[in-house]
Amino acid sequence: MEDALVRDRLAAEMDVLCFEMEAAGLMSHFPCLVIRGICDYSDSHKNKEWQGYAAMVAAAYAKDLLCRIAPNRVEAEKKIGDILSGNSKD
């Protein structure tokens, strides 16, 4: 999203805090949860200095989230290979 006016309108109308831009297509074809650090304004304003901090926060959050999932819940989930090959058992 390179248009700041559209970004700001959507943010105001829908109370959006951030926009995922790179993984949007992935999530349509691959069951996943995307965790990203926020480091720019979703327009032409970019600052590479913040990318490392954003990645660090995203990694810390992902680690904490994974630590909160009980192992038996993970074992009960479908295997990703089965999902991707269409062999998932519903």
N, C-alpha and C. Protein backbone atom coordinates (compact mmCIF):
# COMPACT_ATOMS: atom_id res chain seq x y z
N MET A 1 0.85 -1.16 0.00
CA MET A 1 0.00 0.00 0.00
C MET A 1 0.90 1.23 0.00
N GLU A 2 0.93 1.87 -1.12
CA GLU A 2 1.84 3.00 -1.25
C GLU A 2 1.11 4.35 -1.16
N ASP A 3 -0.20 4.31 -1.03
CA ASP A 3 -0.99 5.53 -0.98
C ASP A 3 -1.33 5.87 0.48
N ALA A 4 -0.70 6.90 0.99
CA ALA A 4 -0.89 7.28 2.39
C ALA A 4 -2.33 7.70 2.68
N LEU A 5 -3.01 8.31 1.71
CA LEU A 5 -4.39 8.74 1.92
C LEU A 5 -5.31 7.53 2.11
N VAL A 6 -5.13 6.51 1.27
CA VAL A 6 -5.93 5.29 1.40
C VAL A 6 -5.61 4.61 2.73
N ARG A 7 -4.33 4.52 3.05
CA ARG A 7 -3.92 3.90 4.32
C ARG A 7 -4.57 4.60 5.50
N ASP A 8 -4.49 5.92 5.52
CA ASP A 8 -5.03 6.68 6.65
C ASP A 8 -6.55 6.57 6.73
N ARG A 9 -7.23 6.54 5.58
CA ARG A 9 -8.69 6.41 5.57
C ARG A 9 -9.10 5.05 6.13
N LEU A 10 -8.45 3.97 5.66
CA LEU A 10 -8.76 2.63 6.17
C LEU A 10 -8.46 2.52 7.66
N ALA A 11 -7.35 3.08 8.07
CA ALA A 11 -6.98 3.03 9.49
C ALA A 11 -8.02 3.74 10.35
N ALA A 12 -8.49 4.89 9.90
CA ALA A 12 -9.47 5.66 10.67
C ALA A 12 -10.84 4.99 10.67
N GLU A 13 -11.28 4.51 9.51
CA GLU A 13 -12.62 3.92 9.40
C GLU A 13 -12.73 2.57 10.09
N MET A 14 -11.65 1.80 10.09
CA MET A 14 -11.72 0.42 10.59
C MET A 14 -10.85 0.19 11.82
N ASP A 15 -10.31 1.26 12.39
CA ASP A 15 -9.47 1.16 13.58
C ASP A 15 -8.30 0.20 13.37
N VAL A 16 -7.66 0.29 12.21
CA VAL A 16 -6.54 -0.59 11.84
C VAL A 16 -5.24 0.01 12.37
N LEU A 17 -4.42 -0.82 12.99
CA LEU A 17 -3.13 -0.36 13.51
C LEU A 17 -2.01 -0.56 12.51
N CYS A 18 -2.09 -1.62 11.69
CA CYS A 18 -1.03 -1.87 10.72
C CYS A 18 -1.57 -2.70 9.57
N PHE A 19 -0.82 -2.75 8.47
CA PHE A 19 -1.20 -3.49 7.27
C PHE A 19 -0.09 -4.46 6.91
N GLU A 20 -0.45 -5.73 6.72
CA GLU A 20 0.51 -6.73 6.27
C GLU A 20 0.55 -6.65 4.75
N MET A 21 1.74 -6.51 4.19
CA MET A 21 1.86 -6.33 2.75
C MET A 21 2.53 -7.51 2.05
N GLU A 22 3.52 -8.12 2.65
CA GLU A 22 4.28 -9.15 1.95
C GLU A 22 3.67 -10.54 2.04
N ALA A 23 3.03 -10.89 3.14
CA ALA A 23 2.56 -12.26 3.34
C ALA A 23 1.09 -12.45 2.99
N ALA A 24 0.44 -11.43 2.47
CA ALA A 24 -1.00 -11.53 2.20
C ALA A 24 -1.32 -12.68 1.26
N GLY A 25 -0.58 -12.86 0.21
CA GLY A 25 -0.82 -13.96 -0.73
C GLY A 25 -0.52 -15.31 -0.13
N LEU A 26 0.49 -15.39 0.70
CA LEU A 26 0.86 -16.65 1.35
C LEU A 26 -0.28 -17.18 2.20
N MET A 27 -0.92 -16.31 2.94
CA MET A 27 -1.97 -16.74 3.87
C MET A 27 -3.19 -17.29 3.14
N SER A 28 -3.36 -16.98 1.87
CA SER A 28 -4.48 -17.52 1.10
C SER A 28 -4.26 -18.98 0.72
N HIS A 29 -3.00 -19.42 0.68
CA HIS A 29 -2.68 -20.77 0.19
C HIS A 29 -2.00 -21.65 1.23
N PHE A 30 -1.62 -21.09 2.34
CA PHE A 30 -0.83 -21.83 3.32
C PHE A 30 -1.36 -21.50 4.71
N PRO A 31 -1.84 -22.49 5.46
CA PRO A 31 -2.40 -22.19 6.78
C PRO A 31 -1.31 -21.73 7.74
N CYS A 32 -1.36 -20.48 8.14
CA CYS A 32 -0.30 -19.95 8.99
C CYS A 32 -0.77 -18.71 9.74
N LEU A 33 0.01 -18.34 10.70
CA LEU A 33 -0.17 -17.09 11.42
C LEU A 33 1.08 -16.27 11.15
N VAL A 34 0.91 -15.09 10.62
CA VAL A 34 2.04 -14.22 10.30
C VAL A 34 2.29 -13.28 11.47
N ILE A 35 3.51 -13.27 11.96
CA ILE A 35 3.91 -12.35 13.03
C ILE A 35 4.99 -11.45 12.44
N ARG A 36 4.72 -10.16 12.42
CA ARG A 36 5.65 -9.22 11.81
C ARG A 36 5.95 -8.08 12.77
N GLY A 37 7.14 -7.56 12.67
CA GLY A 37 7.48 -6.34 13.39
C GLY A 37 7.09 -5.15 12.54
N ILE A 38 6.66 -4.08 13.16
CA ILE A 38 6.25 -2.88 12.43
C ILE A 38 7.41 -1.90 12.41
N CYS A 39 7.83 -1.50 11.20
CA CYS A 39 9.01 -0.63 11.13
C CYS A 39 8.90 0.49 10.11
N ASP A 40 7.76 0.61 9.41
CA ASP A 40 7.61 1.74 8.50
C ASP A 40 6.13 2.11 8.40
N TYR A 41 5.83 3.09 7.57
CA TYR A 41 4.49 3.65 7.51
C TYR A 41 3.64 3.11 6.37
N SER A 42 4.04 2.02 5.73
CA SER A 42 3.27 1.43 4.64
C SER A 42 3.10 2.42 3.49
N ASP A 43 4.08 3.25 3.29
CA ASP A 43 4.08 4.15 2.14
C ASP A 43 5.53 4.39 1.76
N SER A 44 5.85 5.52 1.23
CA SER A 44 7.23 5.78 0.79
C SER A 44 8.18 6.09 1.95
N HIS A 45 7.67 6.30 3.15
CA HIS A 45 8.52 6.60 4.31
C HIS A 45 9.07 5.30 4.89
N LYS A 46 10.34 5.06 4.68
CA LYS A 46 11.00 3.85 5.17
C LYS A 46 12.20 4.26 6.01
N ASN A 47 12.49 3.47 7.03
CA ASN A 47 13.64 3.74 7.87
C ASN A 47 14.27 2.40 8.25
N LYS A 48 15.34 2.03 7.57
CA LYS A 48 15.99 0.74 7.79
C LYS A 48 16.53 0.60 9.22
N GLU A 49 16.75 1.70 9.89
CA GLU A 49 17.29 1.67 11.25
C GLU A 49 16.37 0.90 12.21
N TRP A 50 15.06 0.93 11.96
CA TRP A 50 14.10 0.28 12.85
C TRP A 50 13.86 -1.19 12.51
N GLN A 51 14.32 -1.68 11.36
CA GLN A 51 14.02 -3.06 10.95
C GLN A 51 14.53 -4.10 11.94
N GLY A 52 15.72 -3.92 12.45
CA GLY A 52 16.27 -4.87 13.41
C GLY A 52 15.47 -4.93 14.69
N TYR A 53 15.06 -3.77 15.20
CA TYR A 53 14.25 -3.72 16.41
C TYR A 53 12.90 -4.40 16.18
N ALA A 54 12.30 -4.13 15.03
CA ALA A 54 11.00 -4.72 14.72
C ALA A 54 11.11 -6.24 14.61
N ALA A 55 12.16 -6.72 13.98
CA ALA A 55 12.37 -8.17 13.86
C ALA A 55 12.58 -8.80 15.23
N MET A 56 13.31 -8.12 16.09
CA MET A 56 13.56 -8.64 17.44
C MET A 56 12.26 -8.75 18.23
N VAL A 57 11.40 -7.76 18.15
CA VAL A 57 10.13 -7.79 18.87
C VAL A 57 9.24 -8.90 18.31
N ALA A 58 9.20 -9.05 17.00
CA ALA A 58 8.40 -10.12 16.39
C ALA A 58 8.90 -11.49 16.82
N ALA A 59 10.21 -11.68 16.86
CA ALA A 59 10.78 -12.96 17.29
C ALA A 59 10.46 -13.24 18.75
N ALA A 60 10.55 -12.24 19.60
CA ALA A 60 10.24 -12.42 21.02
C ALA A 60 8.76 -12.77 21.21
N TYR A 61 7.90 -12.12 20.45
CA TYR A 61 6.47 -12.43 20.55
C TYR A 61 6.19 -13.85 20.06
N ALA A 62 6.80 -14.24 18.94
CA ALA A 62 6.61 -15.60 18.41
C ALA A 62 7.08 -16.64 19.42
N LYS A 63 8.22 -16.40 20.05
CA LYS A 63 8.73 -17.33 21.05
C LYS A 63 7.75 -17.45 22.22
N ASP A 64 7.26 -16.33 22.70
CA ASP A 64 6.32 -16.35 23.82
C ASP A 64 5.02 -17.06 23.43
N LEU A 65 4.54 -16.81 22.24
CA LEU A 65 3.32 -17.47 21.77
C LEU A 65 3.51 -18.99 21.70
N LEU A 66 4.63 -19.43 21.15
CA LEU A 66 4.91 -20.87 21.05
C LEU A 66 5.05 -21.51 22.43
N CYS A 67 5.61 -20.80 23.38
CA CYS A 67 5.76 -21.34 24.74
C CYS A 67 4.42 -21.52 25.43
N ARG A 68 3.40 -20.82 24.98
CA ARG A 68 2.08 -20.92 25.61
C ARG A 68 1.21 -22.02 25.01
N ILE A 69 1.66 -22.66 23.94
CA ILE A 69 0.88 -23.73 23.32
C ILE A 69 1.29 -25.05 23.94
N ALA A 70 0.32 -25.76 24.49
CA ALA A 70 0.59 -27.05 25.13
C ALA A 70 1.00 -28.08 24.08
N PRO A 71 2.04 -28.88 24.37
CA PRO A 71 2.50 -29.88 23.39
C PRO A 71 1.40 -30.82 22.91
N ASN A 72 0.48 -31.22 23.79
CA ASN A 72 -0.58 -32.14 23.34
C ASN A 72 -1.52 -31.48 22.34
N ARG A 73 -1.67 -30.16 22.40
CA ARG A 73 -2.48 -29.46 21.40
C ARG A 73 -1.79 -29.45 20.05
N VAL A 74 -0.47 -29.34 20.06
CA VAL A 74 0.29 -29.37 18.80
C VAL A 74 0.18 -30.75 18.17
N GLU A 75 0.33 -31.79 18.98
CA GLU A 75 0.27 -33.16 18.48
C GLU A 75 -1.11 -33.48 17.91
N ALA A 76 -2.16 -32.84 18.39
CA ALA A 76 -3.52 -33.09 17.92
C ALA A 76 -3.82 -32.41 16.59
N GLU A 77 -3.01 -31.45 16.20
CA GLU A 77 -3.24 -30.72 14.94
C GLU A 77 -2.88 -31.57 13.73
N LYS A 78 -3.44 -31.19 12.59
CA LYS A 78 -3.13 -31.87 11.33
C LYS A 78 -1.69 -31.57 10.94
N LYS A 79 -1.05 -32.52 10.31
CA LYS A 79 0.31 -32.32 9.81
C LYS A 79 0.26 -31.43 8.57
N ILE A 80 1.21 -30.52 8.45
CA ILE A 80 1.21 -29.59 7.32
C ILE A 80 1.35 -30.32 5.99
N GLY A 81 2.12 -31.41 5.97
CA GLY A 81 2.25 -32.19 4.74
C GLY A 81 0.92 -32.74 4.27
N ASP A 82 0.09 -33.20 5.22
CA ASP A 82 -1.24 -33.71 4.87
C ASP A 82 -2.14 -32.59 4.35
N ILE A 83 -2.06 -31.43 4.96
CA ILE A 83 -2.88 -30.30 4.52
C ILE A 83 -2.50 -29.89 3.11
N LEU A 84 -1.21 -29.76 2.85
CA LEU A 84 -0.75 -29.30 1.54
C LEU A 84 -1.00 -30.33 0.44
N SER A 85 -0.97 -31.61 0.79
CA SER A 85 -1.19 -32.64 -0.22
C SER A 85 -2.67 -32.97 -0.40
N GLY A 86 -3.52 -32.38 0.43
CA GLY A 86 -4.95 -32.63 0.32
C GLY A 86 -5.40 -33.87 1.05
N ASN A 87 -4.53 -34.45 1.87
CA ASN A 87 -4.86 -35.66 2.62
C ASN A 87 -5.34 -35.36 4.03
N SER A 88 -5.79 -34.14 4.28
CA SER A 88 -6.20 -33.80 5.65
C SER A 88 -7.46 -34.57 6.02
N LYS A 89 -7.49 -34.99 7.26
CA LYS A 89 -8.64 -35.74 7.78
C LYS A 89 -9.48 -34.79 8.62
N ASP A 90 -10.66 -34.47 8.14
CA ASP A 90 -11.53 -33.54 8.88
C ASP A 90 -12.33 -34.23 9.94
